[in-house]
Amino acid sequence: MDEPKFRLVQGGASSPPESDELLRAAIFDMDGLLIDSEPLWRQAEQRVFAGVGVQLTDADCEETMGLRIDAVVEHWWQRRPWGGKTRSDVEASILDEVERLIVARGTALPGVDLALEVFAGSGYRLGLASSSPKRLIAAVLDALGLEGCFEAVCSAAEEEQGKPDPAVYLTAAHALGALPQRCVALEDSVSGLRAAQAAGMRTIVVPERPPAPGSPLFEADLLLESLLDLDDQASELVPSA
């Protein structure tokens, strides 16, 4: 296998404190990390927003990547308010379209099985912390055959605030019985990275494309081109004892 085009290991977070609690957990984002759904979200957002007169480019959609759908809709309402459909109507239409696209075309990103094996094999408990609502999480897990792979499945839609607020990551850590400092979060977006950092977790980021110089993504403890590049180094981000 060729060496990844970019890979960074640095101390983006401090070492976890000594604790009697030795349980470790790996908490995965979903969209753009496990499933190649970011293009589907862009397609759905562009189609639905066009229906209310708001034309979005791919760059516009990337601006809100990783945010909860209500935050995405609010973002564009504040900048390009529309008439006719309510914000709730627009949210519902986007979710319906994304779910349809996931069922029809959703595919796993390379290395998903490897990532689960690396962490489960190293004694980590596995959790999922997604900005998507539970209905889309269920659709993705079904499409990828991952039902039952995660001990905790948490949605930021059920929190008071979505990413970059750390709430969904803290909920997942609590559900897994692990201290946040004993968790590693796997993400693909800046908002997800910020959420995991705010929760006090170690971070691995696998972005859709190489980040631009100066990107906050370089603050991750481990920055990879693909989940296929995970190795034992990743499992050592959180010491076993």
Protein backbone atom coordinates (compact mmCIF):
# COMPACT_ATOMS: atom_id res chain seq x y z
CA MET A 1 0.00 0.00 0.00
CA ASP A 2 1.32 3.45 -0.86
CA GLU A 3 2.03 5.81 2.00
CA PRO A 4 -0.92 8.16 2.65
CA LYS A 5 -0.53 11.59 1.07
CA PHE A 6 -0.92 13.25 4.46
CA ARG A 7 -0.58 11.97 7.95
CA LEU A 8 0.08 13.89 11.13
CA VAL A 9 0.66 12.77 14.67
CA GLN A 10 0.90 15.48 17.27
CA GLY A 11 -0.21 16.28 20.79
CA GLY A 12 -3.51 17.92 19.95
CA ALA A 13 -4.85 16.90 23.39
CA SER A 14 -3.07 16.36 26.65
CA SER A 15 -2.49 12.89 27.99
CA PRO A 16 -5.45 11.55 29.97
CA PRO A 17 -5.11 11.82 33.75
CA GLU A 18 -4.34 8.85 35.93
CA SER A 19 -7.57 7.15 36.94
CA ASP A 20 -8.84 3.96 38.48
CA GLU A 21 -11.25 3.80 35.56
CA LEU A 22 -9.33 1.89 32.89
CA LEU A 23 -12.21 1.41 30.46
CA ARG A 24 -11.45 2.82 27.00
CA ALA A 25 -13.98 3.75 24.32
CA ALA A 26 -13.83 4.64 20.63
CA ILE A 27 -16.71 6.86 19.52
CA PHE A 28 -17.37 7.19 15.80
CA ASP A 29 -19.02 9.95 13.83
CA MET A 30 -21.18 8.59 11.01
CA ASP A 31 -21.72 10.86 7.98
CA GLY A 32 -18.53 11.22 5.97
CA LEU A 33 -16.64 8.79 8.20
CA LEU A 34 -18.49 5.47 8.03
CA ILE A 35 -20.64 6.18 5.00
CA ASP A 36 -19.96 8.26 1.91
CA SER A 37 -23.01 10.37 2.64
CA GLU A 38 -21.65 13.91 2.41
CA PRO A 39 -22.29 14.00 -1.38
CA LEU A 40 -25.82 12.75 -0.67
CA TRP A 41 -26.38 15.49 1.91
CA ARG A 42 -25.11 18.09 -0.55
CA GLN A 43 -27.43 16.78 -3.27
CA ALA A 44 -30.42 16.76 -0.93
CA GLU A 45 -29.72 20.22 0.46
CA GLN A 46 -29.18 21.75 -2.99
CA ARG A 47 -32.38 20.20 -4.34
CA VAL A 48 -34.61 21.17 -1.40
CA PHE A 49 -33.19 24.66 -0.94
CA ALA A 50 -33.52 25.32 -4.67
CA GLY A 51 -37.21 24.61 -4.21
CA VAL A 52 -37.47 27.66 -1.95
CA GLY A 53 -35.27 29.83 -4.15
CA VAL A 54 -31.95 29.32 -2.34
CA GLN A 55 -29.20 28.13 -4.69
CA LEU A 56 -26.35 26.41 -2.86
CA THR A 57 -22.97 25.42 -4.25
CA ASP A 58 -20.89 22.49 -3.02
CA ALA A 59 -18.74 25.01 -1.13
CA ASP A 60 -21.86 26.42 0.55
CA CYS A 61 -22.82 22.94 1.73
CA GLU A 62 -19.32 22.22 2.99
CA GLU A 63 -19.58 25.38 5.11
CA THR A 64 -22.20 23.66 7.28
CA MET A 65 -20.84 20.10 7.11
CA GLY A 66 -21.16 18.24 10.38
CA LEU A 67 -23.88 20.49 11.78
CA ARG A 68 -27.31 19.27 12.85
CA ILE A 69 -29.93 19.77 10.14
CA ASP A 70 -31.83 22.41 12.11
CA ALA A 71 -28.60 24.41 12.39
CA VAL A 72 -28.01 24.06 8.64
CA VAL A 73 -31.48 25.34 7.82
CA GLU A 74 -31.20 28.17 10.34
CA HIS A 75 -27.80 29.11 8.88
CA TRP A 76 -29.27 29.68 5.42
CA TRP A 77 -32.51 31.20 6.70
CA GLN A 78 -30.49 33.91 8.44
CA ARG A 79 -28.47 34.62 5.29
CA ARG A 80 -31.02 34.06 2.50
CA PRO A 81 -34.53 34.03 4.02
CA TRP A 82 -37.27 32.53 1.87
CA GLY A 83 -41.06 32.52 1.70
CA GLY A 84 -43.52 29.65 1.48
CA LYS A 85 -42.19 26.58 3.28
CA THR A 86 -41.37 26.86 6.97
CA ARG A 87 -37.93 25.97 8.26
CA SER A 88 -39.41 22.80 9.75
CA ASP A 89 -40.82 21.87 6.34
CA VAL A 90 -37.40 22.36 4.75
CA GLU A 91 -35.71 20.26 7.46
CA ALA A 92 -38.20 17.43 6.96
CA SER A 93 -37.84 17.52 3.17
CA ILE A 94 -34.02 17.33 3.40
CA LEU A 95 -34.18 14.39 5.81
CA ASP A 96 -36.66 12.56 3.57
CA GLU A 97 -34.41 13.07 0.55
CA VAL A 98 -31.24 12.02 2.37
CA GLU A 99 -32.91 8.87 3.66
CA ARG A 100 -34.08 8.02 0.14
CA LEU A 101 -30.56 8.51 -1.23
CA ILE A 102 -28.96 6.45 1.55
CA VAL A 103 -31.26 3.51 0.86
CA ALA A 104 -30.67 3.78 -2.89
CA ARG A 105 -26.96 4.61 -3.04
CA GLY A 106 -25.35 4.55 0.40
CA THR A 107 -21.96 2.84 0.52
CA ALA A 108 -19.41 2.34 3.27
CA LEU A 109 -16.18 4.28 3.11
CA PRO A 110 -12.96 2.22 2.87
CA GLY A 111 -11.64 0.83 6.12
CA VAL A 112 -14.79 0.82 8.25
CA ASP A 113 -14.44 -2.86 9.17
CA LEU A 114 -10.72 -2.38 9.86
CA ALA A 115 -11.38 0.57 12.16
CA LEU A 116 -13.93 -1.38 14.18
CA GLU A 117 -11.54 -4.33 14.41
CA VAL A 118 -8.57 -2.17 15.47
CA PHE A 119 -10.41 -0.67 18.41
CA ALA A 120 -12.54 -3.64 19.45
CA GLY A 121 -9.47 -5.86 19.25
CA SER A 122 -7.59 -3.45 21.52
CA GLY A 123 -10.27 -3.61 24.19
CA TYR A 124 -12.18 -0.43 23.38
CA ARG A 125 -15.94 -0.26 23.76
CA LEU A 126 -17.55 1.14 20.59
CA GLY A 127 -20.02 3.98 20.32
CA LEU A 128 -21.58 6.18 17.65
CA ALA A 129 -22.17 9.93 18.04
CA SER A 130 -23.85 11.45 14.98
CA SER A 131 -25.46 14.76 14.13
CA SER A 132 -28.11 12.86 12.18
CA PRO A 133 -31.45 11.96 13.77
CA LYS A 134 -32.05 8.38 14.86
CA ARG A 135 -34.11 7.53 11.74
CA LEU A 136 -31.13 8.27 9.49
CA ILE A 137 -28.70 6.51 11.81
CA ALA A 138 -30.90 3.41 11.63
CA ALA A 139 -31.04 3.66 7.83
CA VAL A 140 -27.25 3.91 7.58
CA LEU A 141 -26.53 1.05 9.98
CA ASP A 142 -28.98 -1.11 8.06
CA ALA A 143 -27.52 -0.13 4.67
CA LEU A 144 -23.97 -0.90 5.84
CA GLY A 145 -24.84 -4.04 7.80
CA LEU A 146 -23.54 -2.51 11.04
CA GLU A 147 -26.54 -3.12 13.30
CA GLY A 148 -25.32 -4.29 16.70
CA CYS A 149 -21.72 -3.13 16.16
CA PHE A 150 -22.01 -0.21 18.60
CA GLU A 151 -22.86 -0.52 22.27
CA ALA A 152 -24.12 3.07 22.35
CA VAL A 153 -25.80 4.89 19.45
CA CYS A 154 -26.36 8.58 20.18
CA SER A 155 -27.88 11.37 18.10
CA ALA A 156 -27.15 15.07 18.54
CA ALA A 157 -30.76 15.65 17.46
CA GLU A 158 -31.71 14.55 20.97
CA GLU A 159 -29.39 17.07 22.63
CA GLU A 160 -30.10 20.70 23.44
CA GLN A 161 -27.27 21.67 21.08
CA GLY A 162 -25.54 19.86 18.24
CA LYS A 163 -21.88 19.72 17.26
CA PRO A 164 -19.56 21.62 17.81
CA ASP A 165 -21.15 21.45 21.27
CA PRO A 166 -19.73 18.36 23.05
CA ALA A 167 -23.08 17.11 24.39
CA VAL A 168 -23.51 14.12 22.06
CA TYR A 169 -19.98 12.92 22.76
CA LEU A 170 -20.44 13.27 26.51
CA THR A 171 -23.72 11.35 26.27
CA ALA A 172 -22.02 8.56 24.32
CA ALA A 173 -19.15 8.33 26.81
CA HIS A 174 -21.60 8.14 29.70
CA ALA A 175 -23.63 5.44 27.93
CA LEU A 176 -20.46 3.41 27.44
CA GLY A 177 -19.38 3.90 31.06
CA ALA A 178 -16.12 5.59 30.05
CA LEU A 179 -14.56 8.83 31.19
CA PRO A 180 -14.30 11.31 28.29
CA GLN A 181 -10.54 11.42 28.84
CA ARG A 182 -10.46 7.67 28.18
CA CYS A 183 -12.20 8.04 24.82
CA VAL A 184 -10.97 8.59 21.28
CA ALA A 185 -13.36 10.24 18.82
CA LEU A 186 -13.18 9.57 15.08
CA GLU A 187 -14.40 12.44 12.90
CA ASP A 188 -14.25 13.98 9.45
CA SER A 189 -15.32 17.60 10.00
CA VAL A 190 -14.18 20.69 11.87
CA SER A 191 -17.43 20.90 13.86
CA GLY A 192 -17.05 17.26 14.91
CA LEU A 193 -13.41 17.77 15.86
CA ARG A 194 -14.36 20.80 17.97
CA ALA A 195 -17.10 18.80 19.71
CA ALA A 196 -14.72 15.97 20.60
CA GLN A 197 -12.03 18.38 21.76
CA ALA A 198 -14.53 20.22 23.95
CA ALA A 199 -15.51 16.87 25.46
CA GLY A 200 -11.85 16.29 26.40
CA MET A 201 -11.35 13.31 24.08
CA ARG A 202 -8.41 12.28 21.92
CA THR A 203 -9.17 12.76 18.25
CA ILE A 204 -8.64 11.05 14.91
CA VAL A 205 -9.78 12.91 11.82
CA VAL A 206 -10.29 11.42 8.34
CA PRO A 207 -11.41 14.34 6.15
CA GLU A 208 -13.09 14.04 2.78
CA ARG A 209 -10.11 15.73 1.13
CA PRO A 210 -6.66 16.95 2.29
CA PRO A 211 -7.17 20.02 4.48
CA ALA A 212 -5.89 23.43 3.42
CA PRO A 213 -2.84 24.84 5.23
CA GLY A 214 -3.83 26.26 8.59
CA SER A 215 -7.01 24.18 8.81
CA PRO A 216 -8.20 23.38 12.35
CA LEU A 217 -8.16 19.73 11.29
CA PHE A 218 -4.39 19.75 11.85
CA GLU A 219 -5.15 20.02 15.58
CA ALA A 220 -6.26 16.38 15.63
CA ASP A 221 -4.09 13.89 17.48
CA LEU A 222 -4.05 11.77 14.34
CA LEU A 223 -4.92 12.95 10.83
CA LEU A 224 -5.36 10.23 8.22
CA GLU A 225 -6.17 10.00 4.54
CA SER A 226 -8.36 6.92 5.06
CA LEU A 227 -9.57 4.58 7.78
CA LEU A 228 -7.46 2.01 5.94
CA ASP A 229 -4.41 3.77 7.40
CA LEU A 230 -5.39 2.94 10.98
CA ASP A 231 -2.90 0.76 12.81
CA ASP A 232 -1.85 -0.07 16.38
CA GLN A 233 -0.66 3.52 16.80
CA ALA A 234 -4.31 4.61 16.80
CA SER A 235 -5.22 2.25 19.64
CA GLU A 236 -2.33 3.63 21.68
CA LEU A 237 -3.76 7.16 21.72
CA VAL A 238 -5.44 6.18 24.97
CA PRO A 239 -3.08 4.10 27.16
CA SER A 240 -4.49 0.74 28.22
CA ALA A 241 -3.44 1.31 31.83
